[in-house]
Amino acid sequence: MGRLVVVGSLNVDSVIAVQRHPAPGETVLGGDAQTFWGGKGANQAVAAARAARASRSSAPGSAAGVVFVGRVGADAPGRAYRERLAELGVDVAPLAETPGVPTGSAVIAVSAAGENTIIVSSGANARLGVDDLEALEQLTPDDVVVITLEVPLDVVTRASELAERAGARFVLNLSPVVDLPAEVVRRAEPVVVNEHEAVELAARYDGLTSVLVTRGSDGSEWNGVFVPSASGIDVVDTTGAGDAYCGTLAYALARGDGAEEAMRAATAAAADVVGRAGAQ
């Protein structure tokens, strides 16, 4: 059993409910804005922390540690976010502050059908650099690193190199699919994409041996292992569902679970998130 090191973004989300999403140039009226914690990296860390608490409750001593590497602004939202993650049991020692730059934020419109559109202002997330990856210098072969694409691409590349050097598992949530060096993508075990991203992934990269595809209500598949989606879920808000899946999956792998067991835990976490408002 090792640690899960999450490298990623933190955003403060402003969520507005709309009957439907506007067309280009169109204005629609929405409900009252609500503020939630978000950012792909932090969403994954929170999901992992919840999985860790469940592990400790069911079997004391079975929980892996969760570490977060990222950047916030030297502002009230950044300080509050640091406190929140720490209270949930996440090691935030590698979470740095960037003076003069705001903590990342996002504006999310959620339709009556539970589908969302998202605009992200990266803020301090865009200032994360390879020099912030000191926590990855102490990786062991039992550890897992998970990273998403809301941070600079050189950070993604370097994180993959440090994981490979240590013999640690590297999990890449390639959302959206972007141009990374092919060797970075091939290091991932697995690359996690949704069904639409999987098409683009196949068009851009060949020779990938570990790809996990999530298909929403049609379940998920990883190298021939298929796990159905949870049934009987009333969808309230799909924001953060993929992050909950990926963070819980990576945590379960760090805990030592096999592919199917990790996927089932991830599916349950995603189902929990879509049944309530907010990404966490």
Protein backbone atom coordinates (compact mmCIF):
# COMPACT_ATOMS: atom_id res chain seq x y z
CA MET A 1 0.00 0.00 0.00
CA GLY A 2 1.35 3.40 -0.98
CA ARG A 3 0.29 7.02 -1.16
CA LEU A 4 -1.85 8.79 -3.73
CA VAL A 5 -0.26 12.03 -4.93
CA VAL A 6 -2.76 14.27 -6.74
CA VAL A 7 -1.24 16.96 -8.97
CA GLY A 8 -3.86 19.38 -10.19
CA SER A 9 -6.10 22.40 -10.01
CA LEU A 10 -8.30 24.02 -7.38
CA ASN A 11 -11.20 26.27 -8.38
CA VAL A 12 -14.02 28.02 -6.57
CA ASP A 13 -17.12 27.29 -8.66
CA SER A 14 -20.05 29.64 -9.20
CA VAL A 15 -22.97 27.45 -10.27
CA ILE A 16 -26.16 28.77 -11.90
CA ALA A 17 -29.17 26.58 -12.70
CA VAL A 18 -30.75 27.21 -16.12
CA GLN A 19 -33.67 25.60 -17.88
CA ARG A 20 -31.46 25.11 -20.93
CA HIS A 21 -28.03 26.24 -22.08
CA PRO A 22 -27.95 29.39 -24.21
CA ALA A 23 -27.07 29.34 -27.89
CA PRO A 24 -24.21 31.63 -29.04
CA GLY A 25 -25.28 35.25 -28.62
CA GLU A 26 -28.33 34.30 -26.57
CA THR A 27 -29.12 35.31 -22.97
CA VAL A 28 -31.11 33.04 -20.68
CA LEU A 29 -32.28 33.69 -17.14
CA GLY A 30 -31.03 31.41 -14.39
CA GLY A 31 -31.54 30.81 -10.71
CA ASP A 32 -29.52 32.19 -7.81
CA ALA A 33 -25.78 31.64 -8.12
CA GLN A 34 -24.35 29.14 -5.63
CA THR A 35 -20.71 28.79 -4.65
CA PHE A 36 -19.06 25.36 -4.45
CA TRP A 37 -15.55 23.96 -4.16
CA GLY A 38 -14.18 22.60 -7.44
CA GLY A 39 -11.22 22.17 -9.78
CA LYS A 40 -10.40 18.78 -11.28
CA GLY A 41 -7.41 18.13 -9.03
CA ALA A 42 -9.14 19.11 -5.80
CA ASN A 43 -12.26 17.16 -6.79
CA GLN A 44 -10.11 14.07 -7.19
CA ALA A 45 -8.32 14.66 -3.89
CA VAL A 46 -11.63 15.06 -2.03
CA ALA A 47 -13.00 11.87 -3.59
CA ALA A 48 -9.82 10.06 -2.58
CA ALA A 49 -10.02 11.44 0.96
CA ARG A 50 -13.59 10.14 1.26
CA ALA A 51 -12.43 6.74 0.06
CA ALA A 52 -9.63 6.85 2.63
CA ARG A 53 -12.11 7.57 5.44
CA ALA A 54 -14.27 4.67 4.29
CA SER A 55 -11.21 2.39 4.29
CA ARG A 56 -10.30 3.40 7.83
CA SER A 57 -13.87 2.82 8.99
CA SER A 58 -14.14 -0.65 7.46
CA ALA A 59 -10.60 -1.85 8.17
CA PRO A 60 -8.36 0.26 10.41
CA GLY A 61 -4.86 0.55 9.00
CA SER A 62 -5.98 -0.13 5.43
CA ALA A 63 -6.06 3.48 4.21
CA ALA A 64 -3.48 4.96 1.88
CA GLY A 65 -2.40 8.59 2.33
CA VAL A 66 -3.58 11.38 0.02
CA VAL A 67 -1.20 14.23 -0.89
CA PHE A 68 -2.12 17.31 -2.94
CA VAL A 69 0.29 19.29 -5.14
CA GLY A 70 -1.06 22.54 -6.57
CA ARG A 71 -1.25 26.32 -6.25
CA VAL A 72 -3.76 28.79 -4.83
CA GLY A 73 -3.72 32.56 -4.63
CA ALA A 74 -2.62 34.33 -1.46
CA ASP A 75 -6.26 35.22 -0.87
CA ALA A 76 -9.24 34.28 1.29
CA PRO A 77 -10.56 31.57 -1.11
CA GLY A 78 -7.11 29.99 -1.26
CA ARG A 79 -6.73 29.93 2.51
CA ALA A 80 -10.23 28.53 2.96
CA TYR A 81 -9.57 25.81 0.39
CA ARG A 82 -6.35 24.79 2.10
CA GLU A 83 -8.20 24.48 5.41
CA ARG A 84 -10.98 22.43 3.80
CA LEU A 85 -8.61 19.90 2.27
CA ALA A 86 -6.64 19.59 5.49
CA GLU A 87 -9.84 19.00 7.47
CA LEU A 88 -10.73 16.19 5.07
CA GLY A 89 -7.39 14.52 5.75
CA VAL A 90 -5.44 15.59 2.67
CA ASP A 91 -1.74 16.42 3.13
CA VAL A 92 -1.54 20.00 1.82
CA ALA A 93 2.11 20.67 2.66
CA PRO A 94 2.98 20.82 -1.09
CA LEU A 95 0.09 23.26 -1.81
CA ALA A 96 1.82 26.57 -2.60
CA GLU A 97 0.58 30.18 -2.69
CA THR A 98 1.04 32.59 -5.60
CA PRO A 99 0.95 36.23 -4.42
CA GLY A 100 -0.82 38.71 -6.69
CA VAL A 101 -2.76 36.04 -8.57
CA PRO A 102 -6.28 34.88 -7.64
CA THR A 103 -7.21 31.34 -6.75
CA GLY A 104 -8.68 29.57 -9.78
CA SER A 105 -12.40 29.92 -10.42
CA ALA A 106 -15.10 28.57 -12.71
CA VAL A 107 -18.59 29.56 -13.84
CA ILE A 108 -20.86 26.57 -14.39
CA ALA A 109 -24.34 26.50 -15.94
CA VAL A 110 -26.38 23.41 -15.06
CA SER A 111 -29.43 22.62 -17.19
CA ALA A 112 -32.70 21.09 -15.98
CA ALA A 113 -31.44 17.77 -17.39
CA GLY A 114 -28.37 17.95 -15.13
CA GLU A 115 -25.89 18.63 -17.94
CA ASN A 116 -23.30 21.37 -17.49
CA THR A 117 -21.17 23.87 -19.38
CA ILE A 118 -18.07 25.25 -17.68
CA ILE A 119 -15.83 28.30 -18.12
CA VAL A 120 -12.58 28.13 -16.12
CA SER A 121 -10.33 31.03 -15.09
CA SER A 122 -7.09 29.23 -14.21
CA GLY A 123 -5.58 31.88 -11.92
CA ALA A 124 -2.91 30.37 -9.68
CA ASN A 125 -3.34 26.94 -11.31
CA ALA A 126 -1.57 28.23 -14.41
CA ARG A 127 1.46 29.17 -12.26
CA LEU A 128 2.12 25.61 -11.10
CA GLY A 129 5.60 24.69 -12.27
CA VAL A 130 8.00 21.76 -12.35
CA ASP A 131 9.75 23.22 -9.31
CA ASP A 132 6.55 22.56 -7.32
CA LEU A 133 6.91 18.79 -7.78
CA GLU A 134 9.31 18.24 -4.90
CA ALA A 135 6.81 15.85 -3.26
CA LEU A 136 7.26 13.53 -6.24
CA GLU A 137 10.99 13.26 -5.58
CA GLN A 138 10.16 10.93 -2.66
CA LEU A 139 7.87 8.56 -4.59
CA THR A 140 8.12 4.81 -3.99
CA PRO A 141 7.02 1.93 -6.26
CA ASP A 142 3.88 1.55 -4.12
CA ASP A 143 2.71 5.11 -4.78
CA VAL A 144 0.28 6.38 -7.42
CA VAL A 145 0.39 9.79 -9.12
CA VAL A 146 -2.77 11.13 -10.76
CA ILE A 147 -2.85 14.30 -12.85
CA THR A 148 -5.36 16.15 -15.01
CA LEU A 149 -5.11 18.73 -17.78
CA GLU A 150 -5.92 21.95 -15.86
CA VAL A 151 -2.23 22.53 -15.14
CA PRO A 152 0.67 23.42 -17.49
CA LEU A 153 1.73 20.60 -19.81
CA ASP A 154 5.38 20.70 -18.75
CA VAL A 155 4.18 19.82 -15.24
CA VAL A 156 2.30 16.82 -16.66
CA THR A 157 5.42 15.68 -18.50
CA ARG A 158 7.70 16.06 -15.49
CA ALA A 159 5.26 14.31 -13.16
CA SER A 160 5.19 11.34 -15.52
CA GLU A 161 8.99 11.25 -15.62
CA LEU A 162 9.31 11.30 -11.83
CA ALA A 163 6.71 8.55 -11.46
CA GLU A 164 8.49 6.38 -14.02
CA ARG A 165 11.85 6.96 -12.35
CA ALA A 166 10.47 5.80 -9.01
CA GLY A 167 8.55 2.86 -10.48
CA ALA A 168 5.28 4.43 -9.27
CA ARG A 169 2.00 4.12 -11.16
CA PHE A 170 1.08 7.16 -13.26
CA VAL A 171 -2.63 7.79 -13.90
CA LEU A 172 -3.43 10.41 -16.54
CA ASN A 173 -6.90 11.89 -16.84
CA LEU A 174 -6.51 13.18 -20.40
CA SER A 175 -9.46 15.55 -20.42
CA PRO A 176 -9.40 17.27 -22.81
CA VAL A 177 -7.20 15.31 -25.20
CA VAL A 178 -4.23 17.56 -25.99
CA ASP A 179 -0.88 17.19 -27.70
CA LEU A 180 1.49 15.66 -25.16
CA PRO A 181 4.68 13.79 -26.00
CA ALA A 182 3.64 10.24 -26.90
CA GLU A 183 5.95 8.77 -24.25
CA VAL A 184 4.07 10.70 -21.53
CA VAL A 185 0.73 9.21 -22.54
CA ARG A 186 2.24 5.73 -22.86
CA ARG A 187 3.52 5.91 -19.27
CA ALA A 188 -0.05 6.10 -17.95
CA GLU A 189 -1.58 3.05 -16.28
CA PRO A 190 -4.28 3.90 -17.21
CA VAL A 191 -5.10 6.87 -19.41
CA VAL A 192 -8.65 7.80 -18.32
CA VAL A 193 -10.95 9.33 -20.97
CA ASN A 194 -14.67 9.48 -21.69
CA GLU A 195 -16.19 7.87 -24.79
CA HIS A 196 -15.86 11.03 -26.90
CA GLU A 197 -12.27 11.64 -25.83
CA ALA A 198 -11.45 7.99 -26.56
CA VAL A 199 -12.08 8.58 -30.27
CA GLU A 200 -9.69 11.52 -30.35
CA LEU A 201 -7.15 9.65 -28.21
CA ALA A 202 -7.04 6.80 -30.74
CA ALA A 203 -6.58 9.27 -33.59
CA ARG A 204 -3.64 11.04 -31.92
CA TYR A 205 -1.75 8.26 -30.19
CA ASP A 206 -1.01 4.66 -31.11
CA GLY A 207 0.53 1.87 -29.14
CA LEU A 208 -1.36 2.63 -25.92
CA THR A 209 -1.70 -0.46 -23.75
CA SER A 210 -3.72 0.87 -20.80
CA VAL A 211 -6.83 2.93 -21.60
CA LEU A 212 -9.88 3.25 -19.34
CA VAL A 213 -13.00 4.61 -21.05
CA THR A 214 -15.93 5.97 -19.03
CA ARG A 215 -19.30 5.96 -20.80
CA GLY A 216 -21.63 7.56 -18.27
CA SER A 217 -24.76 5.47 -17.85
CA ASP A 218 -23.21 2.75 -20.03
CA GLY A 219 -20.50 1.97 -17.49
CA SER A 220 -16.73 1.88 -17.93
CA GLU A 221 -14.16 -0.44 -19.48
CA TRP A 222 -10.44 -0.92 -18.93
CA ASN A 223 -8.52 -3.36 -21.11
CA GLY A 224 -11.41 -5.82 -21.33
CA VAL A 225 -12.68 -5.34 -17.76
CA PHE A 226 -16.23 -3.91 -17.86
CA VAL A 227 -18.10 -2.45 -14.89
CA PRO A 228 -21.72 -1.28 -15.33
CA SER A 229 -22.90 2.08 -14.06
CA ALA A 230 -24.87 2.39 -10.84
CA SER A 231 -28.62 2.05 -11.33
CA GLY A 232 -31.52 4.00 -9.85
CA ILE A 233 -29.64 7.31 -9.59
CA ASP A 234 -31.58 10.57 -9.83
CA VAL A 235 -29.17 12.85 -11.68
CA VAL A 236 -29.01 16.33 -10.14
CA ASP A 237 -25.68 17.66 -11.45
CA THR A 238 -23.01 15.85 -13.48
CA THR A 239 -20.30 18.36 -12.48
CA GLY A 240 -17.33 16.52 -11.00
CA ALA A 241 -18.57 12.99 -11.72
CA GLY A 242 -15.56 12.15 -13.86
CA ASP A 243 -13.21 13.63 -11.27
CA ALA A 244 -14.79 11.56 -8.49
CA TYR A 245 -14.40 8.47 -10.64
CA CYS A 246 -10.76 9.14 -11.46
CA GLY A 247 -9.73 10.20 -7.95
CA THR A 248 -11.38 7.19 -6.33
CA LEU A 249 -9.94 4.85 -8.95
CA ALA A 250 -6.41 6.16 -8.36
CA TYR A 251 -6.87 5.93 -4.59
CA ALA A 252 -8.08 2.34 -4.83
CA LEU A 253 -5.06 1.44 -6.95
CA ALA A 254 -2.77 3.03 -4.35
CA ARG A 255 -4.55 0.95 -1.71
CA GLY A 256 -3.68 -2.16 -3.69
CA ASP A 257 -7.04 -2.96 -5.31
CA GLY A 258 -7.20 -4.74 -8.66
CA ALA A 259 -8.72 -3.18 -11.79
CA GLU A 260 -12.31 -4.37 -11.34
CA GLU A 261 -12.44 -3.59 -7.62
CA ALA A 262 -11.01 -0.11 -8.22
CA MET A 263 -13.48 0.54 -11.04
CA ARG A 264 -16.43 -0.50 -8.90
CA ALA A 265 -15.35 1.86 -6.12
CA ALA A 266 -14.93 4.65 -8.70
CA THR A 267 -18.37 4.00 -10.18
CA ALA A 268 -20.01 4.26 -6.76
CA ALA A 269 -18.19 7.54 -6.06
CA ALA A 270 -19.32 9.05 -9.36
CA ALA A 271 -22.92 8.00 -8.69
CA ASP A 272 -22.79 9.71 -5.31
CA VAL A 273 -21.61 12.99 -6.86
CA VAL A 274 -24.26 13.19 -9.61
CA GLY A 275 -27.00 12.79 -7.04
CA ARG A 276 -26.32 16.21 -5.48
CA ALA A 277 -25.34 19.72 -6.51
CA GLY A 278 -21.68 20.72 -6.79
CA ALA A 279 -18.52 18.92 -7.84
CA GLN A 280 -17.64 17.61 -4.36
